[in-house]
Amino acid sequence: MIAFFDANALIYLIEGAEPFAGRVRGELASAETAHPGLGAAVSRLSWLECRVRPMRCDDQATLARYDGFFNRPDLIWVELNRDVVELATVIRVRHGLRTPDALQAACCLQLGPDHLFFTGDDGFKRVAGLNVRWLS
């Protein structure tokens, strides 16, 4: 089983804004208990989105926390390749998600059926086959 992190879930987790950070930690702990050896995955889009605010604010401490997470050797990267973009197009058409959200959903679905999609956005619940762990 693999936990895929939407950018907002990572922002909650790494920047520690409560009550959202606690919700991510709780859902993650529950998933790790249910699925020992739970892996972690992200897209390059999450990497981009997470780093914008700290870079804009010259917040080096927060950037360092993100770098620590994104440099984990066990982290699975889902690239924005042709298959992901094609699936994202279909998701956008069928479910009306914005392009970044459609890309995130498509990245996660590329992992196969054994995934959990951690997000604070309930719009993802509309996507068939996406095992959403909603963090609100």
C-alpha atoms as a PDB file:
ATOM      1  CA  MET A   1       0.000   0.000   0.000  1.00  0.00           C
ATOM      2  CA  ILE A   2       1.212   3.483  -0.880  1.00  0.00           C
ATOM      3  CA  ALA A   3       0.177   6.824   0.633  1.00  0.00           C
ATOM      4  CA  PHE A   4       0.064   9.490  -2.078  1.00  0.00           C
ATOM      5  CA  PHE A   5       0.201  13.036  -0.726  1.00  0.00           C
ATOM      6  CA  ASP A   6      -1.677  15.862  -2.394  1.00  0.00           C
ATOM      7  CA  ALA A   7       0.198  19.137  -1.884  1.00  0.00           C
ATOM      8  CA  ASN A   8      -2.258  20.422   0.727  1.00  0.00           C
ATOM      9  CA  ALA A   9      -1.779  17.293   2.867  1.00  0.00           C
ATOM     10  CA  LEU A  10       1.999  17.808   2.774  1.00  0.00           C
ATOM     11  CA  ILE A  11       1.640  21.490   3.596  1.00  0.00           C
ATOM     12  CA  TYR A  12      -0.529  20.612   6.605  1.00  0.00           C
ATOM     13  CA  LEU A  13       1.915  17.947   7.729  1.00  0.00           C
ATOM     14  CA  ILE A  14       5.190  19.803   7.246  1.00  0.00           C
ATOM     15  CA  GLU A  15       4.135  23.330   8.149  1.00  0.00           C
ATOM     16  CA  GLY A  16       2.200  22.021  11.146  1.00  0.00           C
ATOM     17  CA  ALA A  17      -0.949  24.177  10.983  1.00  0.00           C
ATOM     18  CA  GLU A  18      -3.483  22.770  13.436  1.00  0.00           C
ATOM     19  CA  PRO A  19      -5.959  21.193  13.443  1.00  0.00           C
ATOM     20  CA  PHE A  20      -4.986  19.998   9.962  1.00  0.00           C
ATOM     21  CA  ALA A  21      -1.503  18.694  10.832  1.00  0.00           C
ATOM     22  CA  GLY A  22      -3.009  16.554  13.588  1.00  0.00           C
ATOM     23  CA  ARG A  23      -5.565  15.155  11.161  1.00  0.00           C
ATOM     24  CA  VAL A  24      -2.849  14.175   8.687  1.00  0.00           C
ATOM     25  CA  ARG A  25      -0.780  12.547  11.437  1.00  0.00           C
ATOM     26  CA  GLY A  26      -3.841  10.687  12.732  1.00  0.00           C
ATOM     27  CA  GLU A  27      -4.897   9.394   9.297  1.00  0.00           C
ATOM     28  CA  LEU A  28      -1.310   8.459   8.496  1.00  0.00           C
ATOM     29  CA  ALA A  29      -0.909   6.570  11.793  1.00  0.00           C
ATOM     30  CA  SER A  30      -4.163   4.723  11.124  1.00  0.00           C
ATOM     31  CA  ALA A  31      -3.037   3.820   7.606  1.00  0.00           C
ATOM     32  CA  GLU A  32       0.371   2.634   8.852  1.00  0.00           C
ATOM     33  CA  THR A  33      -1.315   0.420  11.449  1.00  0.00           C
ATOM     34  CA  ALA A  34      -3.639  -1.076   8.831  1.00  0.00           C
ATOM     35  CA  HIS A  35      -0.870  -1.398   6.230  1.00  0.00           C
ATOM     36  CA  PRO A  36       2.549  -2.111   7.789  1.00  0.00           C
ATOM     37  CA  GLY A  37       5.330  -0.981   5.482  1.00  0.00           C
ATOM     38  CA  LEU A  38       3.171   1.778   3.989  1.00  0.00           C
ATOM     39  CA  GLY A  39       5.104   3.588   1.268  1.00  0.00           C
ATOM     40  CA  ALA A  40       4.926   7.298   0.409  1.00  0.00           C
ATOM     41  CA  ALA A  41       4.508   8.904  -3.013  1.00  0.00           C
ATOM     42  CA  VAL A  42       4.284  12.412  -4.466  1.00  0.00           C
ATOM     43  CA  SER A  43       4.143  14.073  -7.837  1.00  0.00           C
ATOM     44  CA  ARG A  44       6.486  16.755  -9.119  1.00  0.00           C
ATOM     45  CA  LEU A  45       3.464  19.057  -8.935  1.00  0.00           C
ATOM     46  CA  SER A  46       3.332  18.614  -5.131  1.00  0.00           C
ATOM     47  CA  TRP A  47       7.027  19.422  -4.961  1.00  0.00           C
ATOM     48  CA  LEU A  48       6.396  22.661  -6.860  1.00  0.00           C
ATOM     49  CA  GLU A  49       3.269  23.678  -4.920  1.00  0.00           C
ATOM     50  CA  CYS A  50       4.754  23.017  -1.493  1.00  0.00           C
ATOM     51  CA  ARG A  51       7.829  25.143  -2.072  1.00  0.00           C
ATOM     52  CA  VAL A  52       6.199  28.298  -3.498  1.00  0.00           C
ATOM     53  CA  ARG A  53       5.164  30.049  -0.272  1.00  0.00           C
ATOM     54  CA  PRO A  54       8.397  29.346   1.629  1.00  0.00           C
ATOM     55  CA  MET A  55      10.455  30.523  -1.341  1.00  0.00           C
ATOM     56  CA  ARG A  56       8.334  33.636  -1.785  1.00  0.00           C
ATOM     57  CA  CYS A  57       8.735  34.452   1.927  1.00  0.00           C
ATOM     58  CA  ASP A  58      12.411  33.438   2.028  1.00  0.00           C
ATOM     59  CA  ASP A  59      11.516  30.940   4.778  1.00  0.00           C
ATOM     60  CA  GLN A  60      14.628  28.783   4.703  1.00  0.00           C
ATOM     61  CA  ALA A  61      13.615  26.719   7.747  1.00  0.00           C
ATOM     62  CA  THR A  62      10.393  25.563   6.088  1.00  0.00           C
ATOM     63  CA  LEU A  63      12.191  24.920   2.804  1.00  0.00           C
ATOM     64  CA  ALA A  64      14.674  22.745   4.701  1.00  0.00           C
ATOM     65  CA  ARG A  65      11.793  20.713   6.211  1.00  0.00           C
ATOM     66  CA  TYR A  66      10.343  20.180   2.731  1.00  0.00           C
ATOM     67  CA  ASP A  67      13.758  19.247   1.354  1.00  0.00           C
ATOM     68  CA  GLY A  68      14.096  16.695   4.155  1.00  0.00           C
ATOM     69  CA  PHE A  69      10.820  15.086   3.144  1.00  0.00           C
ATOM     70  CA  PHE A  70      11.390  15.260  -0.620  1.00  0.00           C
ATOM     71  CA  ASN A  71      14.923  13.851  -0.318  1.00  0.00           C
ATOM     72  CA  ARG A  72      13.796  10.671   1.458  1.00  0.00           C
ATOM     73  CA  PRO A  73      15.391   7.735  -0.364  1.00  0.00           C
ATOM     74  CA  ASP A  74      12.198   5.659  -0.023  1.00  0.00           C
ATOM     75  CA  LEU A  75       9.922   8.327  -1.524  1.00  0.00           C
ATOM     76  CA  ILE A  76       8.189   7.307  -4.757  1.00  0.00           C
ATOM     77  CA  TRP A  77       8.053  10.034  -7.412  1.00  0.00           C
ATOM     78  CA  VAL A  78       5.258   9.948  -9.970  1.00  0.00           C
ATOM     79  CA  GLU A  79       6.362  11.921 -13.005  1.00  0.00           C
ATOM     80  CA  LEU A  80       4.064  14.026 -15.187  1.00  0.00           C
ATOM     81  CA  ASN A  81       4.487  11.895 -18.282  1.00  0.00           C
ATOM     82  CA  ARG A  82       2.221  11.423 -21.300  1.00  0.00           C
ATOM     83  CA  ASP A  83       0.078   8.720 -19.624  1.00  0.00           C
ATOM     84  CA  VAL A  84      -0.502  10.888 -16.556  1.00  0.00           C
ATOM     85  CA  VAL A  85      -1.476  13.901 -18.670  1.00  0.00           C
ATOM     86  CA  GLU A  86      -3.832  11.799 -20.808  1.00  0.00           C
ATOM     87  CA  LEU A  87      -5.560  10.358 -17.722  1.00  0.00           C
ATOM     88  CA  ALA A  88      -5.720  13.825 -16.153  1.00  0.00           C
ATOM     89  CA  THR A  89      -7.486  15.086 -19.271  1.00  0.00           C
ATOM     90  CA  VAL A  90     -10.119  12.370 -18.929  1.00  0.00           C
ATOM     91  CA  ILE A  91     -10.535  13.106 -15.199  1.00  0.00           C
ATOM     92  CA  ARG A  92     -10.887  16.823 -15.891  1.00  0.00           C
ATOM     93  CA  VAL A  93     -13.567  16.211 -18.522  1.00  0.00           C
ATOM     94  CA  ARG A  94     -15.541  13.618 -16.512  1.00  0.00           C
ATOM     95  CA  HIS A  95     -15.297  15.144 -13.053  1.00  0.00           C
ATOM     96  CA  GLY A  96     -14.719  18.858 -13.614  1.00  0.00           C
ATOM     97  CA  LEU A  97     -11.563  19.035 -11.501  1.00  0.00           C
ATOM     98  CA  ARG A  98      -9.142  21.889 -12.082  1.00  0.00           C
ATOM     99  CA  THR A  99      -6.053  20.926 -14.070  1.00  0.00           C
ATOM    100  CA  PRO A 100      -3.666  20.679 -11.064  1.00  0.00           C
ATOM    101  CA  ASP A 101      -6.157  18.488  -9.182  1.00  0.00           C
ATOM    102  CA  ALA A 102      -6.754  16.284 -12.232  1.00  0.00           C
ATOM    103  CA  LEU A 103      -2.979  15.852 -12.550  1.00  0.00           C
ATOM    104  CA  GLN A 104      -2.672  14.882  -8.874  1.00  0.00           C
ATOM    105  CA  ALA A 105      -5.486  12.322  -9.177  1.00  0.00           C
ATOM    106  CA  ALA A 106      -3.955  10.880 -12.344  1.00  0.00           C
ATOM    107  CA  CYS A 107      -0.525  10.621 -10.707  1.00  0.00           C
ATOM    108  CA  CYS A 108      -1.981   8.699  -7.802  1.00  0.00           C
ATOM    109  CA  LEU A 109      -3.985   6.363 -10.032  1.00  0.00           C
ATOM    110  CA  GLN A 110      -0.760   5.487 -11.890  1.00  0.00           C
ATOM    111  CA  LEU A 111       0.321   3.704  -8.696  1.00  0.00           C
ATOM    112  CA  GLY A 112      -2.359   1.053  -9.244  1.00  0.00           C
ATOM    113  CA  PRO A 113      -5.184   0.072  -6.897  1.00  0.00           C
ATOM    114  CA  ASP A 114      -3.101  -0.192  -3.705  1.00  0.00           C
ATOM    115  CA  HIS A 115      -2.972   3.488  -2.826  1.00  0.00           C
ATOM    116  CA  LEU A 116      -4.422   5.989  -0.366  1.00  0.00           C
ATOM    117  CA  PHE A 117      -4.832   9.568  -1.567  1.00  0.00           C
ATOM    118  CA  PHE A 118      -4.300  12.029   1.315  1.00  0.00           C
ATOM    119  CA  THR A 119      -5.954  15.394   0.678  1.00  0.00           C
ATOM    120  CA  GLY A 120      -7.893  18.212   2.278  1.00  0.00           C
ATOM    121  CA  ASP A 121      -9.976  18.745  -0.874  1.00  0.00           C
ATOM    122  CA  ASP A 122     -13.265  16.835  -0.955  1.00  0.00           C
ATOM    123  CA  GLY A 123     -13.586  17.324  -4.733  1.00  0.00           C
ATOM    124  CA  PHE A 124     -11.393  14.273  -5.214  1.00  0.00           C
ATOM    125  CA  LYS A 125     -14.144  12.025  -3.847  1.00  0.00           C
ATOM    126  CA  ARG A 126     -15.813  12.256  -7.277  1.00  0.00           C
ATOM    127  CA  VAL A 127     -12.960  10.415  -9.009  1.00  0.00           C
ATOM    128  CA  ALA A 128     -13.731   6.722  -9.461  1.00  0.00           C
ATOM    129  CA  GLY A 129     -11.004   4.426  -8.221  1.00  0.00           C
ATOM    130  CA  LEU A 130      -9.280   7.052  -6.087  1.00  0.00           C
ATOM    131  CA  ASN A 131      -9.022   5.834  -2.481  1.00  0.00           C
ATOM    132  CA  VAL A 132      -9.415   9.235  -0.833  1.00  0.00           C
ATOM    133  CA  ARG A 133      -8.427   9.900   2.775  1.00  0.00           C
ATOM    134  CA  TRP A 134     -10.099  13.260   3.298  1.00  0.00           C
ATOM    135  CA  LEU A 135      -8.451  15.347   6.024  1.00  0.00           C
ATOM    136  CA  SER A 136     -11.139  17.753   7.139  1.00  0.00           C
END
